[in-house]
Amino acid sequence: MPDTSPQPPRSGPLAGIKVAEFCQVAAGPFCGMLLADFGAEVVKIEPLEGDTLRQWPPIRQGDSENFASLNRSKRSIALDLKNPDDLDLARRIVLDSDVLVENNRAGAMERLGLGWSWFRERKPELIYCSISAYGQDGPRAGEGGFDLTIQAAAGVMSVTGEPGGAPVKCGVPIADFTAGLYGAYAIAAALARLRAGGPDARGCHIDVPMFGATLAVGALQTSEYFGNHRNPRPLGSAHPRNAPYQAFRCADGWFAIAAGNQKLWQAVCEVTGTPELLQDERFASTSLRAANQVALKDLLEVVFAKAGVTEWVRRFADAGVPSAPINGYAEALDDVQSQHLQLVRPMQLPGGAQSRTVGCPVRFDGQVFDVDTRPPALNEHSDALRAAYAAREQA
């Protein structure tokens, strides 16, 4: 049923900021949701058939859990942007907004008559954020891309997986979400500049290439290449410069330890009862342990086979060595720290089904940001938005 009620007042550091979102799937919707989590009022302008993500399973009572996870606290209106009347309404929504976020292929918004050049003339204070595969200009600007192809192009898949194995993508779509994060914090910076006033207080066009964002978070890998002119290689869960710093097999499963310095290495030898390893020249320094980590892993796993995951994690925790079981998401969501941080929040889907989501993990002065509105049904707020803009036109 369409929601004709006015938008309830939002709270948070971005309360009062209005955002027009022309986005689908992940990168752009994640950016918009981050802004909404901090109090911005986000209107999601969707095609008539809706955001593609609405069709992704799991589906409950007609609603996608995937869509819900990236679109809470937004309003939805479905428009045919090739229809002059709908295009005019979309422009009015943007002109009434502080921020526009879009994640279409470079040039698509310009062709629709919704590009930065059109709005810059009419609302120079607008912050216009474009998230795309390769950026708004350059030899690859016209190419599309999804998380998989960006991970491949930006080098992530070359360092993910086991040595000598097939290319592996990161299981979490980091190219999408990294671009969304860069977009959100760039928007926050642009808003801060605008609010500060002065000669630089103006809107701007923010260009967030997924390719560039994914390369940027590979800082350790790119710096390794700049330093030795060799491509970094996949090491499974191991680290190129630290050891023991990886997943290990034990009596009943796998766990990870991260002994990233000499003091922690000494603690590992104490916990495992292997003082002789401290005298082994192969393991005398962090760099030597990294160079000989295959041999070190074999030696440690002989010891680890004597006890299970829970016991080893407890022993290392008592000794101050960072360690963890290899959790599935079920275990991670149920972790005592997840509960303490109130990460898992109740959420109602548009059709009324009760679900849960991981809320904003950031707290201000200990305050948790509530998941205060559910994700919208397709075109749910069309009547309210159309009525509001019609009333303004008549006033």
Protein backbone atom coordinates (compact mmCIF):
# COMPACT_ATOMS: atom_id res chain seq x y z
CA MET A 1 0.00 0.00 0.00
CA PRO A 2 1.40 3.43 -0.89
CA ASP A 3 2.59 5.52 2.04
CA THR A 4 1.01 8.97 1.85
CA SER A 5 2.19 10.15 5.24
CA PRO A 6 4.82 12.90 5.52
CA GLN A 7 8.40 11.86 6.18
CA PRO A 8 8.93 11.68 9.96
CA PRO A 9 11.76 13.86 11.26
CA ARG A 10 15.14 12.12 11.19
CA SER A 11 17.82 12.35 13.85
CA GLY A 12 21.58 12.07 13.61
CA PRO A 13 24.52 14.16 12.42
CA LEU A 14 23.13 14.38 8.88
CA ALA A 15 19.56 15.22 9.93
CA GLY A 16 18.15 17.84 7.57
CA ILE A 17 20.27 16.70 4.61
CA LYS A 18 18.23 15.55 1.62
CA VAL A 19 19.61 12.96 -0.78
CA ALA A 20 18.30 11.90 -4.18
CA GLU A 21 19.55 8.40 -5.00
CA PHE A 22 19.58 7.06 -8.59
CA CYS A 23 21.23 3.74 -7.77
CA GLN A 24 20.83 0.00 -8.13
CA VAL A 25 22.36 -3.17 -6.66
CA ALA A 26 25.18 -2.46 -4.18
CA ALA A 27 27.75 0.36 -4.39
CA GLY A 28 25.38 3.30 -4.73
CA PRO A 29 22.61 1.92 -2.48
CA PHE A 30 25.23 1.20 0.22
CA CYS A 31 26.45 4.80 -0.03
CA GLY A 32 22.89 6.09 0.26
CA MET A 33 22.15 3.83 3.22
CA LEU A 34 25.23 5.05 5.09
CA LEU A 35 23.96 8.60 4.71
CA ALA A 36 20.48 7.52 5.84
CA ASP A 37 21.94 5.75 8.88
CA PHE A 38 23.35 9.09 9.99
CA GLY A 39 20.03 10.85 9.58
CA ALA A 40 19.85 12.01 5.97
CA GLU A 41 16.48 11.86 4.21
CA VAL A 42 17.06 9.64 1.16
CA VAL A 43 14.62 9.40 -1.74
CA LYS A 44 15.39 6.41 -3.95
CA ILE A 45 14.38 7.07 -7.56
CA GLU A 46 13.91 3.64 -9.17
CA PRO A 47 13.04 2.49 -12.70
CA LEU A 48 9.47 1.28 -13.13
CA GLU A 49 10.59 -2.34 -12.68
CA GLY A 50 12.51 -1.44 -9.53
CA ASP A 51 16.07 -1.88 -8.37
CA THR A 52 17.47 -5.16 -9.77
CA LEU A 53 18.37 -6.20 -6.22
CA ARG A 54 14.67 -6.51 -5.39
CA GLN A 55 14.69 -9.82 -7.30
CA TRP A 56 17.64 -11.36 -5.48
CA PRO A 57 16.88 -14.22 -3.06
CA PRO A 58 16.22 -14.96 -0.31
CA ILE A 59 12.69 -13.64 -0.89
CA ARG A 60 10.23 -13.47 2.02
CA GLN A 61 6.61 -12.57 1.32
CA GLY A 62 7.72 -10.97 -1.94
CA ASP A 63 10.57 -8.96 -0.43
CA SER A 64 14.30 -9.49 -0.99
CA GLU A 65 16.41 -9.74 2.14
CA ASN A 66 19.40 -8.59 0.05
CA PHE A 67 17.56 -5.45 -1.07
CA ALA A 68 16.46 -4.75 2.49
CA SER A 69 20.04 -4.98 3.77
CA LEU A 70 21.11 -1.99 1.63
CA ASN A 71 18.01 0.18 1.51
CA ARG A 72 16.70 0.75 5.03
CA SER A 73 15.47 4.19 6.01
CA LYS A 74 14.78 5.32 2.43
CA ARG A 75 11.70 6.34 0.49
CA SER A 76 10.95 5.00 -2.99
CA ILE A 77 9.41 6.48 -6.10
CA ALA A 78 9.44 4.70 -9.48
CA LEU A 79 9.86 6.95 -12.51
CA ASP A 80 10.22 6.51 -16.26
CA LEU A 81 13.06 8.97 -16.81
CA LYS A 82 12.41 9.01 -20.57
CA ASN A 83 8.92 10.35 -19.87
CA PRO A 84 9.03 14.19 -19.82
CA ASP A 85 6.71 14.49 -16.82
CA ASP A 86 8.64 11.93 -14.78
CA LEU A 87 11.93 13.52 -15.80
CA ASP A 88 10.63 16.89 -14.64
CA LEU A 89 9.63 15.40 -11.27
CA ALA A 90 13.05 13.77 -10.90
CA ARG A 91 14.71 17.12 -11.53
CA ARG A 92 12.50 18.82 -8.95
CA ILE A 93 13.40 16.16 -6.38
CA VAL A 94 17.10 16.78 -7.05
CA LEU A 95 16.74 20.56 -6.96
CA ASP A 96 15.12 20.16 -3.55
CA SER A 97 18.03 17.99 -2.37
CA ASP A 98 21.49 18.67 -1.02
CA VAL A 99 23.08 15.55 -2.49
CA LEU A 100 22.61 13.36 -5.55
CA VAL A 101 24.11 9.86 -5.64
CA GLU A 102 24.13 7.78 -8.82
CA ASN A 103 25.92 4.60 -9.84
CA ASN A 104 25.12 4.33 -13.53
CA ARG A 105 27.56 3.84 -16.38
CA ALA A 106 29.50 7.03 -17.10
CA GLY A 107 27.47 9.35 -19.32
CA ALA A 108 24.08 7.73 -18.67
CA MET A 109 22.79 10.52 -16.43
CA GLU A 110 23.90 13.19 -18.92
CA ARG A 111 22.01 11.43 -21.70
CA LEU A 112 18.90 11.37 -19.54
CA GLY A 113 19.15 15.11 -18.85
CA LEU A 114 20.10 14.54 -15.22
CA GLY A 115 23.85 15.13 -15.44
CA TRP A 116 26.05 17.37 -13.36
CA SER A 117 26.21 19.98 -16.13
CA TRP A 118 22.41 20.46 -16.02
CA PHE A 119 22.26 20.86 -12.24
CA ARG A 120 25.43 22.91 -11.85
CA GLU A 121 23.79 25.76 -13.73
CA ARG A 122 20.64 25.65 -11.62
CA LYS A 123 21.90 24.59 -8.18
CA PRO A 124 25.64 25.26 -7.81
CA GLU A 125 25.60 24.16 -4.16
CA LEU A 126 24.50 20.61 -5.09
CA ILE A 127 26.88 17.80 -4.17
CA TYR A 128 26.69 15.33 -7.05
CA CYS A 129 28.34 11.93 -6.47
CA SER A 130 28.89 9.51 -9.36
CA ILE A 131 30.00 5.94 -8.62
CA SER A 132 30.96 3.95 -11.70
CA ALA A 133 33.21 1.10 -12.73
CA TYR A 134 36.16 3.12 -14.07
CA GLY A 135 35.32 6.78 -13.51
CA GLN A 136 33.72 9.56 -15.51
CA ASP A 137 36.54 10.10 -18.01
CA GLY A 138 39.54 8.33 -19.47
CA PRO A 139 40.01 5.45 -21.93
CA ARG A 140 37.89 2.98 -19.92
CA ALA A 141 35.18 5.36 -18.69
CA GLY A 142 32.56 3.88 -20.99
CA GLU A 143 32.99 0.35 -19.68
CA GLY A 144 30.57 -1.19 -17.25
CA GLY A 145 31.64 -3.38 -14.39
CA PHE A 146 30.49 -5.40 -11.44
CA ASP A 147 32.26 -6.33 -8.24
CA LEU A 148 33.76 -9.49 -9.77
CA THR A 149 35.27 -7.78 -12.80
CA ILE A 150 36.60 -4.89 -10.70
CA GLN A 151 38.22 -7.31 -8.24
CA ALA A 152 39.81 -9.01 -11.25
CA ALA A 153 40.96 -5.78 -12.92
CA ALA A 154 42.22 -4.13 -9.71
CA GLY A 155 44.44 -7.03 -8.66
CA VAL A 156 42.43 -8.40 -5.73
CA MET A 157 41.92 -11.82 -7.29
CA SER A 158 45.64 -12.16 -7.97
CA VAL A 159 46.40 -12.19 -4.23
CA THR A 160 43.34 -14.14 -3.05
CA GLY A 161 43.31 -17.91 -2.73
CA GLU A 162 45.92 -20.59 -2.21
CA PRO A 163 49.38 -20.55 -3.86
CA GLY A 164 49.19 -22.18 -7.27
CA GLY A 165 45.40 -22.35 -7.17
CA ALA A 166 42.73 -20.92 -9.45
CA PRO A 167 41.90 -17.20 -9.12
CA VAL A 168 39.56 -16.54 -6.20
CA LYS A 169 37.45 -13.47 -5.53
CA CYS A 170 36.98 -12.11 -2.05
CA GLY A 171 33.71 -13.56 -0.74
CA VAL A 172 32.54 -10.13 0.43
CA PRO A 173 31.97 -7.75 -2.53
CA ILE A 174 34.70 -5.36 -1.46
CA ALA A 175 34.81 -3.39 -4.73
CA ASP A 176 31.15 -2.43 -4.34
CA PHE A 177 31.30 -1.58 -0.68
CA THR A 178 34.66 0.16 -0.80
CA ALA A 179 33.34 2.47 -3.51
CA GLY A 180 30.20 3.10 -1.44
CA LEU A 181 32.31 3.99 1.60
CA TYR A 182 34.53 6.34 -0.42
CA GLY A 183 31.41 7.97 -1.81
CA ALA A 184 29.82 8.48 1.60
CA TYR A 185 32.88 9.98 3.25
CA ALA A 186 33.59 12.20 0.23
CA ILE A 187 30.01 13.47 0.44
CA ALA A 188 30.45 14.12 4.17
CA ALA A 189 33.65 16.07 3.43
CA ALA A 190 31.91 18.10 0.72
CA LEU A 191 29.03 18.88 3.08
CA ALA A 192 31.50 20.02 5.74
CA ARG A 193 33.19 22.34 3.23
CA LEU A 194 29.84 23.76 2.20
CA ARG A 195 28.76 24.34 5.80
CA ALA A 196 32.08 26.02 6.66
CA GLY A 197 31.33 28.85 4.24
CA GLY A 198 33.98 31.01 2.64
CA PRO A 199 35.23 31.20 -0.93
CA ASP A 200 35.42 27.41 -1.32
CA ALA A 201 31.85 26.82 -0.12
CA ARG A 202 30.28 25.35 -3.23
CA GLY A 203 28.88 22.15 -4.58
CA CYS A 204 30.96 19.75 -6.62
CA HIS A 205 30.93 16.64 -8.76
CA ILE A 206 32.46 13.71 -6.85
CA ASP A 207 33.82 10.98 -9.12
CA VAL A 208 34.25 7.59 -7.39
CA PRO A 209 35.67 4.88 -9.68
CA MET A 210 35.25 1.38 -8.24
CA PHE A 211 38.51 0.44 -9.95
CA GLY A 212 40.42 3.25 -8.24
CA ALA A 213 38.78 2.71 -4.87
CA THR A 214 39.65 -0.99 -4.94
CA LEU A 215 43.25 -0.25 -5.91
CA ALA A 216 43.46 2.33 -3.13
CA VAL A 217 42.53 -0.11 -0.37
CA GLY A 218 45.20 -2.46 -1.72
CA ALA A 219 47.81 -0.09 -0.27
CA LEU A 220 49.98 -2.82 1.22
CA GLN A 221 49.96 -4.79 -2.03
CA THR A 222 50.69 -1.80 -4.27
CA SER A 223 53.46 -0.59 -1.96
CA GLU A 224 54.99 -4.07 -2.06
CA TYR A 225 55.07 -3.85 -5.84
CA PHE A 226 56.50 -0.31 -5.80
CA GLY A 227 59.21 -1.50 -3.41
CA ASN A 228 60.42 -4.66 -5.13
CA HIS A 229 58.84 -4.48 -8.62
CA ARG A 230 57.31 -7.95 -8.25
CA ASN A 231 53.64 -8.80 -8.28
CA PRO A 232 52.40 -9.88 -4.84
CA ARG A 233 51.22 -13.48 -4.85
CA PRO A 234 48.37 -15.35 -3.16
CA LEU A 235 49.26 -16.88 0.20
CA GLY A 236 45.95 -18.31 1.36
CA SER A 237 45.38 -16.95 4.85
CA ALA A 238 49.10 -16.27 5.42
CA HIS A 239 50.83 -12.88 5.49
CA PRO A 240 53.80 -11.91 3.29
CA ARG A 241 55.65 -10.16 6.10
CA ASN A 242 54.46 -11.76 9.38
CA ALA A 243 54.37 -15.28 10.80
CA PRO A 244 52.75 -17.07 12.47
CA TYR A 245 49.89 -15.03 11.07
CA GLN A 246 47.35 -17.31 9.39
CA ALA A 247 44.78 -20.06 9.85
CA PHE A 248 45.96 -23.32 11.39
CA ARG A 249 44.40 -26.77 11.54
CA CYS A 250 43.94 -28.31 14.98
CA ALA A 251 42.25 -31.40 16.43
CA ASP A 252 38.68 -30.44 15.51
CA GLY A 253 38.85 -27.63 12.99
CA TRP A 254 40.63 -24.40 12.14
CA PHE A 255 41.53 -21.24 13.99
CA ALA A 256 43.64 -18.16 13.27
CA ILE A 257 46.41 -16.53 15.22
CA ALA A 258 48.15 -13.23 14.48
CA ALA A 259 51.54 -13.01 16.17
CA GLY A 260 52.59 -9.81 14.46
CA ASN A 261 55.68 -8.96 16.52
CA GLN A 262 58.55 -10.56 18.45
CA LYS A 263 56.81 -10.39 21.83
CA LEU A 264 53.77 -12.22 20.48
CA TRP A 265 56.01 -14.81 18.81
CA GLN A 266 57.61 -15.53 22.17
CA ALA A 267 54.14 -15.94 23.67
CA VAL A 268 53.22 -18.43 20.92
CA CYS A 269 56.26 -20.54 21.76
CA GLU A 270 55.34 -20.43 25.45
CA VAL A 271 51.71 -21.43 24.85
CA THR A 272 52.67 -24.26 22.50
CA GLY A 273 55.51 -25.50 24.69
CA THR A 274 58.08 -25.11 21.91
CA PRO A 275 60.90 -23.00 23.38
CA GLU A 276 63.30 -24.64 20.92
CA LEU A 277 61.70 -22.64 18.11
CA LEU A 278 63.04 -19.46 19.69
CA GLN A 279 66.55 -20.78 19.09
CA ASP A 280 65.87 -21.87 15.51
CA GLU A 281 67.69 -19.48 13.18
CA ARG A 282 64.95 -19.84 10.56
CA PHE A 283 62.53 -18.12 12.92
CA ALA A 284 64.82 -15.58 14.62
CA SER A 285 63.04 -12.48 13.24
CA THR A 286 59.70 -11.50 11.79
CA SER A 287 61.08 -11.42 8.25
CA LEU A 288 62.77 -14.80 8.65
CA ARG A 289 59.60 -16.37 10.01
CA ALA A 290 57.68 -14.98 7.05
CA ALA A 291 60.27 -16.40 4.65
CA ASN A 292 60.06 -19.82 6.33
CA GLN A 293 56.40 -19.84 7.26
CA VAL A 294 55.56 -23.10 5.46
CA ALA A 295 58.04 -24.98 7.64
CA LEU A 296 56.83 -23.09 10.71
CA LYS A 297 53.20 -23.96 9.96
CA ASP A 298 54.05 -27.65 9.67
CA LEU A 299 55.83 -27.62 13.03
CA LEU A 300 53.05 -25.75 14.83
CA GLU A 301 50.26 -27.90 13.43
CA VAL A 302 51.87 -30.98 14.97
CA VAL A 303 51.32 -29.30 18.34
CA PHE A 304 47.90 -27.88 17.46
CA ALA A 305 46.65 -31.39 16.64
CA LYS A 306 46.70 -32.15 20.38
CA ALA A 307 43.72 -29.90 21.25
CA GLY A 308 40.63 -28.34 19.71
CA VAL A 309 39.70 -24.86 18.53
CA THR A 310 38.08 -23.69 21.75
CA GLU A 311 41.04 -24.75 23.87
CA TRP A 312 43.67 -23.16 21.66
CA VAL A 313 41.75 -19.88 21.35
CA ARG A 314 41.40 -19.79 25.15
CA ARG A 315 45.10 -20.46 25.71
CA PHE A 316 46.20 -17.78 23.25
CA ALA A 317 43.69 -15.30 24.66
CA ASP A 318 45.10 -15.88 28.15
CA ALA A 319 48.57 -15.18 26.78
CA GLY A 320 47.47 -12.01 24.97
CA VAL A 321 47.95 -13.41 21.47
CA PRO A 322 45.18 -12.32 19.05
CA SER A 323 43.34 -15.43 17.90
CA ALA A 324 39.89 -16.45 16.71
CA PRO A 325 37.92 -19.45 15.48
CA ILE A 326 37.03 -19.45 11.78
CA ASN A 327 33.43 -18.40 12.31
CA GLY A 328 30.58 -18.71 9.88
CA TYR A 329 28.22 -15.76 9.77
CA ALA A 330 25.83 -17.56 12.14
CA GLU A 331 28.56 -17.68 14.79
CA ALA A 332 29.78 -14.14 14.11
CA LEU A 333 26.28 -12.68 14.43
CA ASP A 334 25.79 -14.56 17.70
CA ASP A 335 29.15 -13.51 19.15
CA VAL A 336 28.97 -11.90 22.58
CA GLN A 337 30.60 -8.75 21.18
CA SER A 338 27.98 -8.54 18.42
CA GLN A 339 25.36 -8.63 21.15
CA HIS A 340 27.15 -6.01 23.25
CA LEU A 341 27.51 -3.65 20.27
CA GLN A 342 23.85 -4.24 19.32
CA LEU A 343 24.92 -4.97 15.77
CA VAL A 344 21.96 -7.21 14.95
CA ARG A 345 18.81 -5.10 14.82
CA PRO A 346 15.18 -6.03 14.17
CA MET A 347 13.84 -4.88 10.81
CA GLN A 348 10.44 -5.15 9.20
CA LEU A 349 10.32 -5.91 5.48
CA PRO A 350 7.93 -3.91 3.26
CA GLY A 351 5.40 -6.76 3.15
CA GLY A 352 5.28 -7.02 6.92
CA ALA A 353 7.62 -9.97 7.53
CA GLN A 354 9.89 -9.56 10.52
CA SER A 355 13.60 -9.89 9.81
CA ARG A 356 16.94 -8.72 11.13
CA THR A 357 19.82 -6.70 9.77
CA VAL A 358 23.28 -5.59 10.80
CA GLY A 359 22.91 -1.95 11.74
CA CYS A 360 25.41 0.87 11.64
CA PRO A 361 28.48 -0.33 13.60
CA VAL A 362 29.66 3.20 14.45
CA ARG A 363 28.68 4.84 17.74
CA PHE A 364 28.88 8.51 18.73
CA ASP A 365 29.57 8.91 22.46
CA GLY A 366 28.36 5.35 22.95
CA GLN A 367 25.08 6.00 21.12
CA VAL A 368 23.85 3.37 18.67
CA PHE A 369 22.19 4.68 15.50
CA ASP A 370 18.77 3.05 15.30
CA VAL A 371 17.40 1.29 12.24
CA ASP A 372 14.44 3.62 12.50
CA THR A 373 12.56 2.92 9.28
CA ARG A 374 12.16 -0.19 7.19
CA PRO A 375 13.23 -0.46 3.55
CA PRO A 376 10.59 0.78 1.12
CA ALA A 377 8.29 -1.13 -1.17
CA LEU A 378 8.69 -0.22 -4.83
CA ASN A 379 7.07 3.16 -5.52
CA GLU A 380 5.69 3.20 -1.97
CA HIS A 381 6.07 6.94 -1.50
CA SER A 382 5.00 8.07 -4.97
CA ASP A 383 1.67 9.56 -3.91
CA ALA A 384 3.17 11.49 -1.00
CA LEU A 385 6.07 12.84 -3.05
CA ARG A 386 3.93 13.75 -6.06
CA ALA A 387 1.42 15.51 -3.83
CA ALA A 388 4.15 17.44 -2.02
CA TYR A 389 5.74 18.72 -5.23
CA ALA A 390 2.35 19.51 -6.78
CA ALA A 391 1.48 21.59 -3.72
CA ARG A 392 4.75 23.50 -3.99
CA GLU A 393 4.09 24.23 -7.64
CA GLN A 394 0.67 25.66 -6.81
CA ALA A 395 1.94 27.74 -3.89
